[in-house]
Amino acid sequence: MAFTFFNNREPRQFNYKPRFYDPKKEESTGDARRDFARNLHDEWQSKRNHTADRKNNFSITILFMVFLVVILGIIIWKFF
């Protein structure tokens, strides 16, 4: 067994297998990909709008509750 300070291994090999490019197939899958992307975007956008509406409703509800607590506090303070 030989003792060396530096490990001189062979470089790692990359097993690359080129594929055949078919423009017709790419065109047909491109349409499907665009349709899928459009549907995904529309679904995401509708959920995003729904969430934004819910957040706005929640903030209005919190504001209303704070207003009620303040009014009730003033009423209780005046009568007691």
PDB file of N, CA and C in Angstrom:
ATOM      1  N   MET A   1       0.825  -1.164   0.000  1.00  0.00           N
ATOM      2  CA  MET A   1       0.000   0.000   0.000  1.00  0.00           C
ATOM      3  C   MET A   1       0.882   1.244   0.000  1.00  0.00           C
ATOM      4  N   ALA A   2       0.596   2.135  -0.925  1.00  0.00           N
ATOM      5  CA  ALA A   2       1.402   3.348  -1.030  1.00  0.00           C
ATOM      6  C   ALA A   2       0.767   4.461  -0.201  1.00  0.00           C
ATOM      7  N   PHE A   3       1.598   5.228   0.439  1.00  0.00           N
ATOM      8  CA  PHE A   3       1.138   6.340   1.252  1.00  0.00           C
ATOM      9  C   PHE A   3       1.398   7.634   0.479  1.00  0.00           C
ATOM     10  N   THR A   4       0.324   8.440   0.252  1.00  0.00           N
ATOM     11  CA  THR A   4       0.486   9.723  -0.452  1.00  0.00           C
ATOM     12  C   THR A   4      -0.141  10.831   0.387  1.00  0.00           C
ATOM     13  N   PHE A   5       0.406  12.021   0.261  1.00  0.00           N
ATOM     14  CA  PHE A   5      -0.148  13.174   0.950  1.00  0.00           C
ATOM     15  C   PHE A   5      -1.349  13.757   0.205  1.00  0.00           C
ATOM     16  N   PHE A   6      -1.351  13.643  -1.101  1.00  0.00           N
ATOM     17  CA  PHE A   6      -2.418  14.197  -1.921  1.00  0.00           C
ATOM     18  C   PHE A   6      -3.152  13.058  -2.611  1.00  0.00           C
ATOM     19  N   ASN A   7      -4.483  13.163  -2.602  1.00  0.00           N
ATOM     20  CA  ASN A   7      -5.303  12.137  -3.229  1.00  0.00           C
ATOM     21  C   ASN A   7      -5.541  12.532  -4.678  1.00  0.00           C
ATOM     22  N   ASN A   8      -4.937  11.850  -5.613  1.00  0.00           N
ATOM     23  CA  ASN A   8      -5.069  12.170  -7.033  1.00  0.00           C
ATOM     24  C   ASN A   8      -6.048  11.193  -7.689  1.00  0.00           C
ATOM     25  N   ARG A   9      -7.326  11.410  -7.437  1.00  0.00           N
ATOM     26  CA  ARG A   9      -8.339  10.543  -8.025  1.00  0.00           C
ATOM     27  C   ARG A   9      -8.715  11.043  -9.411  1.00  0.00           C
ATOM     28  N   GLU A  10      -9.350  10.177 -10.147  1.00  0.00           N
ATOM     29  CA  GLU A  10      -9.876  10.559 -11.459  1.00  0.00           C
ATOM     30  C   GLU A  10     -11.074  11.493 -11.243  1.00  0.00           C
ATOM     31  N   PRO A  11     -11.289  12.426 -12.169  1.00  0.00           N
ATOM     32  CA  PRO A  11     -12.477  13.275 -12.042  1.00  0.00           C
ATOM     33  C   PRO A  11     -13.751  12.449 -12.229  1.00  0.00           C
ATOM     34  N   ARG A  12     -14.818  12.869 -11.608  1.00  0.00           N
ATOM     35  CA  ARG A  12     -16.083  12.160 -11.735  1.00  0.00           C
ATOM     36  C   ARG A  12     -16.611  12.301 -13.156  1.00  0.00           C
ATOM     37  N   GLN A  13     -17.191  11.254 -13.636  1.00  0.00           N
ATOM     38  CA  GLN A  13     -17.752  11.253 -14.987  1.00  0.00           C
ATOM     39  C   GLN A  13     -19.229  11.634 -14.928  1.00  0.00           C
ATOM     40  N   PHE A  14     -19.683  12.356 -15.936  1.00  0.00           N
ATOM     41  CA  PHE A  14     -21.077  12.729 -16.061  1.00  0.00           C
ATOM     42  C   PHE A  14     -21.666  11.941 -17.218  1.00  0.00           C
ATOM     43  N   ASN A  15     -22.710  11.199 -16.947  1.00  0.00           N
ATOM     44  CA  ASN A  15     -23.313  10.362 -17.967  1.00  0.00           C
ATOM     45  C   ASN A  15     -24.418  11.150 -18.671  1.00  0.00           C
ATOM     46  N   TYR A  16     -24.082  11.843 -19.738  1.00  0.00           N
ATOM     47  CA  TYR A  16     -25.033  12.677 -20.475  1.00  0.00           C
ATOM     48  C   TYR A  16     -25.526  11.929 -21.705  1.00  0.00           C
ATOM     49  N   LYS A  17     -26.852  11.816 -21.800  1.00  0.00           N
ATOM     50  CA  LYS A  17     -27.456  11.179 -22.964  1.00  0.00           C
ATOM     51  C   LYS A  17     -28.312  12.224 -23.676  1.00  0.00           C
ATOM     52  N   PRO A  18     -27.878  12.689 -24.839  1.00  0.00           N
ATOM     53  CA  PRO A  18     -28.666  13.714 -25.528  1.00  0.00           C
ATOM     54  C   PRO A  18     -30.012  13.154 -25.981  1.00  0.00           C
ATOM     55  N   ARG A  19     -31.007  14.022 -26.004  1.00  0.00           N
ATOM     56  CA  ARG A  19     -32.345  13.640 -26.443  1.00  0.00           C
ATOM     57  C   ARG A  19     -32.649  14.294 -27.766  1.00  0.00           C
ATOM     58  N   PHE A  20     -33.550  13.675 -28.497  1.00  0.00           N
ATOM     59  CA  PHE A  20     -33.956  14.212 -29.784  1.00  0.00           C
ATOM     60  C   PHE A  20     -34.994  15.303 -29.559  1.00  0.00           C
ATOM     61  N   TYR A  21     -34.847  16.431 -30.225  1.00  0.00           N
ATOM     62  CA  TYR A  21     -35.776  17.545 -30.101  1.00  0.00           C
ATOM     63  C   TYR A  21     -36.803  17.458 -31.213  1.00  0.00           C
ATOM     64  N   ASP A  22     -38.082  17.386 -30.847  1.00  0.00           N
ATOM     65  CA  ASP A  22     -39.170  17.338 -31.810  1.00  0.00           C
ATOM     66  C   ASP A  22     -40.002  18.613 -31.670  1.00  0.00           C
ATOM     67  N   PRO A  23     -39.890  19.537 -32.633  1.00  0.00           N
ATOM     68  CA  PRO A  23     -40.610  20.813 -32.494  1.00  0.00           C
ATOM     69  C   PRO A  23     -42.130  20.634 -32.442  1.00  0.00           C
ATOM     70  N   LYS A  24     -42.685  19.658 -33.171  1.00  0.00           N
ATOM     71  CA  LYS A  24     -44.141  19.455 -33.152  1.00  0.00           C
ATOM     72  C   LYS A  24     -44.609  19.018 -31.768  1.00  0.00           C
ATOM     73  N   LYS A  25     -43.877  18.114 -31.174  1.00  0.00           N
ATOM     74  CA  LYS A  25     -44.237  17.645 -29.845  1.00  0.00           C
ATOM     75  C   LYS A  25     -44.095  18.781 -28.836  1.00  0.00           C
ATOM     76  N   GLU A  26     -43.059  19.577 -28.977  1.00  0.00           N
ATOM     77  CA  GLU A  26     -42.837  20.707 -28.080  1.00  0.00           C
ATOM     78  C   GLU A  26     -43.970  21.714 -28.205  1.00  0.00           C
ATOM     79  N   GLU A  27     -44.452  21.932 -29.409  1.00  0.00           N
ATOM     80  CA  GLU A  27     -45.540  22.879 -29.639  1.00  0.00           C
ATOM     81  C   GLU A  27     -46.826  22.391 -28.976  1.00  0.00           C
ATOM     82  N   SER A  28     -47.124  21.094 -29.100  1.00  0.00           N
ATOM     83  CA  SER A  28     -48.359  20.571 -28.518  1.00  0.00           C
ATOM     84  C   SER A  28     -48.287  20.569 -26.991  1.00  0.00           C
ATOM     85  N   THR A  29     -47.137  20.239 -26.433  1.00  0.00           N
ATOM     86  CA  THR A  29     -47.023  20.266 -24.974  1.00  0.00           C
ATOM     87  C   THR A  29     -46.949  21.700 -24.465  1.00  0.00           C
ATOM     88  N   GLY A  30     -46.475  22.608 -25.294  1.00  0.00           N
ATOM     89  CA  GLY A  30     -46.418  24.019 -24.898  1.00  0.00           C
ATOM     90  C   GLY A  30     -47.810  24.585 -24.685  1.00  0.00           C
ATOM     91  N   ASP A  31     -48.777  24.199 -25.549  1.00  0.00           N
ATOM     92  CA  ASP A  31     -50.149  24.662 -25.374  1.00  0.00           C
ATOM     93  C   ASP A  31     -50.741  24.133 -24.075  1.00  0.00           C
ATOM     94  N   ALA A  32     -50.497  22.865 -23.810  1.00  0.00           N
ATOM     95  CA  ALA A  32     -51.014  22.271 -22.574  1.00  0.00           C
ATOM     96  C   ALA A  32     -50.375  22.941 -21.363  1.00  0.00           C
ATOM     97  N   ARG A  33     -49.107  23.243 -21.448  1.00  0.00           N
ATOM     98  CA  ARG A  33     -48.431  23.909 -20.328  1.00  0.00           C
ATOM     99  C   ARG A  33     -48.984  25.310 -20.105  1.00  0.00           C
ATOM    100  N   ARG A  34     -49.243  26.023 -21.205  1.00  0.00           N
ATOM    101  CA  ARG A  34     -49.805  27.370 -21.070  1.00  0.00           C
ATOM    102  C   ARG A  34     -51.204  27.313 -20.460  1.00  0.00           C
ATOM    103  N   ASP A  35     -52.015  26.342 -20.901  1.00  0.00           N
ATOM    104  CA  ASP A  35     -53.355  26.201 -20.335  1.00  0.00           C
ATOM    105  C   ASP A  35     -53.285  25.866 -18.854  1.00  0.00           C
ATOM    106  N   PHE A  36     -52.403  24.954 -18.499  1.00  0.00           N
ATOM    107  CA  PHE A  36     -52.237  24.576 -17.091  1.00  0.00           C
ATOM    108  C   PHE A  36     -51.784  25.782 -16.276  1.00  0.00           C
ATOM    109  N   ALA A  37     -50.825  26.524 -16.798  1.00  0.00           N
ATOM    110  CA  ALA A  37     -50.308  27.693 -16.081  1.00  0.00           C
ATOM    111  C   ALA A  37     -51.401  28.746 -15.914  1.00  0.00           C
ATOM    112  N   ARG A  38     -52.190  28.957 -16.953  1.00  0.00           N
ATOM    113  CA  ARG A  38     -53.276  29.941 -16.887  1.00  0.00           C
ATOM    114  C   ARG A  38     -54.317  29.520 -15.849  1.00  0.00           C
ATOM    115  N   ASN A  39     -54.700  28.237 -15.851  1.00  0.00           N
ATOM    116  CA  ASN A  39     -55.678  27.750 -14.875  1.00  0.00           C
ATOM    117  C   ASN A  39     -55.137  27.863 -13.457  1.00  0.00           C
ATOM    118  N   LEU A  40     -53.884  27.533 -13.281  1.00  0.00           N
ATOM    119  CA  LEU A  40     -53.261  27.627 -11.966  1.00  0.00           C
ATOM    120  C   LEU A  40     -53.233  29.075 -11.485  1.00  0.00           C
ATOM    121  N   HIS A  41     -52.883  29.980 -12.383  1.00  0.00           N
ATOM    122  CA  HIS A  41     -52.827  31.391 -12.027  1.00  0.00           C
ATOM    123  C   HIS A  41     -54.222  31.913 -11.671  1.00  0.00           C
ATOM    124  N   ASP A  42     -55.229  31.551 -12.464  1.00  0.00           N
ATOM    125  CA  ASP A  42     -56.585  32.015 -12.185  1.00  0.00           C
ATOM    126  C   ASP A  42     -57.090  31.502 -10.842  1.00  0.00           C
ATOM    127  N   GLU A  43     -56.810  30.237 -10.551  1.00  0.00           N
ATOM    128  CA  GLU A  43     -57.231  29.664  -9.278  1.00  0.00           C
ATOM    129  C   GLU A  43     -56.529  30.356  -8.114  1.00  0.00           C
ATOM    130  N   TRP A  44     -55.230  30.586  -8.264  1.00  0.00           N
ATOM    131  CA  TRP A  44     -54.464  31.263  -7.221  1.00  0.00           C
ATOM    132  C   TRP A  44     -54.980  32.687  -7.010  1.00  0.00           C
ATOM    133  N   GLN A  45     -55.285  33.371  -8.106  1.00  0.00           N
ATOM    134  CA  GLN A  45     -55.746  34.752  -8.021  1.00  0.00           C
ATOM    135  C   GLN A  45     -57.100  34.830  -7.326  1.00  0.00           C
ATOM    136  N   SER A  46     -57.997  33.889  -7.631  1.00  0.00           N
ATOM    137  CA  SER A  46     -59.312  33.916  -6.987  1.00  0.00           C
ATOM    138  C   SER A  46     -59.182  33.646  -5.486  1.00  0.00           C
ATOM    139  N   LYS A  47     -58.313  32.711  -5.103  1.00  0.00           N
ATOM    140  CA  LYS A  47     -58.110  32.449  -3.674  1.00  0.00           C
ATOM    141  C   LYS A  47     -57.457  33.639  -2.997  1.00  0.00           C
ATOM    142  N   ARG A  48     -56.563  34.302  -3.694  1.00  0.00           N
ATOM    143  CA  ARG A  48     -55.888  35.467  -3.128  1.00  0.00           C
ATOM    144  C   ARG A  48     -56.887  36.596  -2.888  1.00  0.00           C
ATOM    145  N   ASN A  49     -57.783  36.823  -3.850  1.00  0.00           N
ATOM    146  CA  ASN A  49     -58.790  37.866  -3.676  1.00  0.00           C
ATOM    147  C   ASN A  49     -59.731  37.527  -2.527  1.00  0.00           C
ATOM    148  N   HIS A  50     -60.103  36.261  -2.414  1.00  0.00           N
ATOM    149  CA  HIS A  50     -60.989  35.838  -1.334  1.00  0.00           C
ATOM    150  C   HIS A  50     -60.321  36.058   0.018  1.00  0.00           C
ATOM    151  N   THR A  51     -59.055  35.750   0.125  1.00  0.00           N
ATOM    152  CA  THR A  51     -58.328  35.942   1.377  1.00  0.00           C
ATOM    153  C   THR A  51     -58.218  37.423   1.715  1.00  0.00           C
ATOM    154  N   ALA A  52     -57.977  38.259   0.709  1.00  0.00           N
ATOM    155  CA  ALA A  52     -57.881  39.697   0.947  1.00  0.00           C
ATOM    156  C   ALA A  52     -59.220  40.238   1.431  1.00  0.00           C
ATOM    157  N   ASP A  53     -60.326  39.771   0.850  1.00  0.00           N
ATOM    158  CA  ASP A  53     -61.640  40.216   1.300  1.00  0.00           C
ATOM    159  C   ASP A  53     -61.887  39.796   2.744  1.00  0.00           C
ATOM    160  N   ARG A  54     -61.482  38.574   3.084  1.00  0.00           N
ATOM    161  CA  ARG A  54     -61.686  38.083   4.434  1.00  0.00           C
ATOM    162  C   ARG A  54     -60.852  38.887   5.428  1.00  0.00           C
ATOM    163  N   LYS A  55     -59.635  39.254   5.039  1.00  0.00           N
ATOM    164  CA  LYS A  55     -58.796  40.065   5.927  1.00  0.00           C
ATOM    165  C   LYS A  55     -59.418  41.434   6.146  1.00  0.00           C
ATOM    166  N   ASN A  56     -59.967  42.032   5.081  1.00  0.00           N
ATOM    167  CA  ASN A  56     -60.603  43.338   5.227  1.00  0.00           C
ATOM    168  C   ASN A  56     -61.822  43.241   6.135  1.00  0.00           C
ATOM    169  N   ASN A  57     -62.626  42.191   5.975  1.00  0.00           N
ATOM    170  CA  ASN A  57     -63.786  42.001   6.831  1.00  0.00           C
ATOM    171  C   ASN A  57     -63.360  41.790   8.278  1.00  0.00           C
ATOM    172  N   PHE A  58     -62.290  41.077   8.497  1.00  0.00           N
ATOM    173  CA  PHE A  58     -61.799  40.832   9.843  1.00  0.00           C
ATOM    174  C   PHE A  58     -61.355  42.132  10.493  1.00  0.00           C
ATOM    175  N   SER A  59     -60.653  42.985   9.772  1.00  0.00           N
ATOM    176  CA  SER A  59     -60.194  44.243  10.348  1.00  0.00           C
ATOM    177  C   SER A  59     -61.373  45.164  10.655  1.00  0.00           C
ATOM    178  N   ILE A  60     -62.414  45.140   9.824  1.00  0.00           N
ATOM    179  CA  ILE A  60     -63.606  45.946  10.101  1.00  0.00           C
ATOM    180  C   ILE A  60     -64.301  45.426  11.348  1.00  0.00           C
ATOM    181  N   THR A  61     -64.362  44.112  11.499  1.00  0.00           N
ATOM    182  CA  THR A  61     -64.979  43.513  12.677  1.00  0.00           C
ATOM    183  C   THR A  61     -64.211  43.889  13.938  1.00  0.00           C
ATOM    184  N   ILE A  62     -62.900  43.832  13.897  1.00  0.00           N
ATOM    185  CA  ILE A  62     -62.079  44.211  15.053  1.00  0.00           C
ATOM    186  C   ILE A  62     -62.290  45.682  15.387  1.00  0.00           C
ATOM    187  N   LEU A  63     -62.324  46.528  14.389  1.00  0.00           N
ATOM    188  CA  LEU A  63     -62.546  47.953  14.611  1.00  0.00           C
ATOM    189  C   LEU A  63     -63.902  48.192  15.268  1.00  0.00           C
ATOM    190  N   PHE A  64     -64.922  47.482  14.801  1.00  0.00           N
ATOM    191  CA  PHE A  64     -66.264  47.602  15.378  1.00  0.00           C
ATOM    192  C   PHE A  64     -66.275  47.145  16.834  1.00  0.00           C
ATOM    193  N   MET A  65     -65.591  46.040  17.138  1.00  0.00           N
ATOM    194  CA  MET A  65     -65.543  45.535  18.504  1.00  0.00           C
ATOM    195  C   MET A  65     -64.827  46.530  19.428  1.00  0.00           C
ATOM    196  N   VAL A  66     -63.750  47.120  18.976  1.00  0.00           N
ATOM    197  CA  VAL A  66     -63.033  48.122  19.774  1.00  0.00           C
ATOM    198  C   VAL A  66     -63.940  49.319  20.028  1.00  0.00           C
ATOM    199  N   PHE A  67     -64.670  49.736  19.018  1.00  0.00           N
ATOM    200  CA  PHE A  67     -65.599  50.858  19.150  1.00  0.00           C
ATOM    201  C   PHE A  67     -66.665  50.543  20.200  1.00  0.00           C
ATOM    202  N   LEU A  68     -67.215  49.325  20.174  1.00  0.00           N
ATOM    203  CA  LEU A  68     -68.225  48.936  21.162  1.00  0.00           C
ATOM    204  C   LEU A  68     -67.652  48.918  22.577  1.00  0.00           C
ATOM    205  N   VAL A  69     -66.446  48.409  22.727  1.00  0.00           N
ATOM    206  CA  VAL A  69     -65.821  48.365  24.058  1.00  0.00           C
ATOM    207  C   VAL A  69     -65.606  49.779  24.578  1.00  0.00           C
ATOM    208  N   VAL A  70     -65.177  50.685  23.729  1.00  0.00           N
ATOM    209  CA  VAL A  70     -64.966  52.076  24.147  1.00  0.00           C
ATOM    210  C   VAL A  70     -66.286  52.711  24.557  1.00  0.00           C
ATOM    211  N   ILE A  71     -67.334  52.522  23.771  1.00  0.00           N
ATOM    212  CA  ILE A  71     -68.654  53.096  24.093  1.00  0.00           C
ATOM    213  C   ILE A  71     -69.176  52.506  25.407  1.00  0.00           C
ATOM    214  N   LEU A  72     -69.075  51.177  25.562  1.00  0.00           N
ATOM    215  CA  LEU A  72     -69.519  50.558  26.807  1.00  0.00           C
ATOM    216  C   LEU A  72     -68.687  51.048  27.996  1.00  0.00           C
ATOM    217  N   GLY A  73     -67.407  51.241  27.806  1.00  0.00           N
ATOM    218  CA  GLY A  73     -66.555  51.779  28.869  1.00  0.00           C
ATOM    219  C   GLY A  73     -66.979  53.170  29.285  1.00  0.00           C
ATOM    220  N   ILE A  74     -67.300  53.997  28.312  1.00  0.00           N
ATOM    221  CA  ILE A  74     -67.744  55.367  28.615  1.00  0.00           C
ATOM    222  C   ILE A  74     -69.084  55.333  29.355  1.00  0.00           C
ATOM    223  N   ILE A  75     -70.001  54.474  28.900  1.00  0.00           N
ATOM    224  CA  ILE A  75     -71.317  54.378  29.550  1.00  0.00           C
ATOM    225  C   ILE A  75     -71.166  53.886  30.985  1.00  0.00           C
ATOM    226  N   ILE A  76     -70.363  52.863  31.206  1.00  0.00           N
ATOM    227  CA  ILE A  76     -70.169  52.328  32.568  1.00  0.00           C
ATOM    228  C   ILE A  76     -69.473  53.358  33.434  1.00  0.00           C
ATOM    229  N   TRP A  77     -68.521  54.098  32.896  1.00  0.00           N
ATOM    230  CA  TRP A  77     -67.798  55.117  33.671  1.00  0.00           C
ATOM    231  C   TRP A  77     -68.715  56.263  34.094  1.00  0.00           C
ATOM    232  N   LYS A  78     -69.646  56.657  33.189  1.00  0.00           N
ATOM    233  CA  LYS A  78     -70.560  57.761  33.505  1.00  0.00           C
ATOM    234  C   LYS A  78     -71.581  57.396  34.563  1.00  0.00           C
ATOM    235  N   PHE A  79     -72.061  56.151  34.568  1.00  0.00           N
ATOM    236  CA  PHE A  79     -73.117  55.769  35.476  1.00  0.00           C
ATOM    237  C   PHE A  79     -72.621  55.245  36.817  1.00  0.00           C
ATOM    238  N   PHE A  80     -71.362  54.916  36.947  1.00  0.00           N
ATOM    239  CA  PHE A  80     -70.846  54.404  38.221  1.00  0.00           C
ATOM    240  C   PHE A  80     -69.837  55.295  38.802  1.00  0.00           C
TER     241      PHE A  80
END
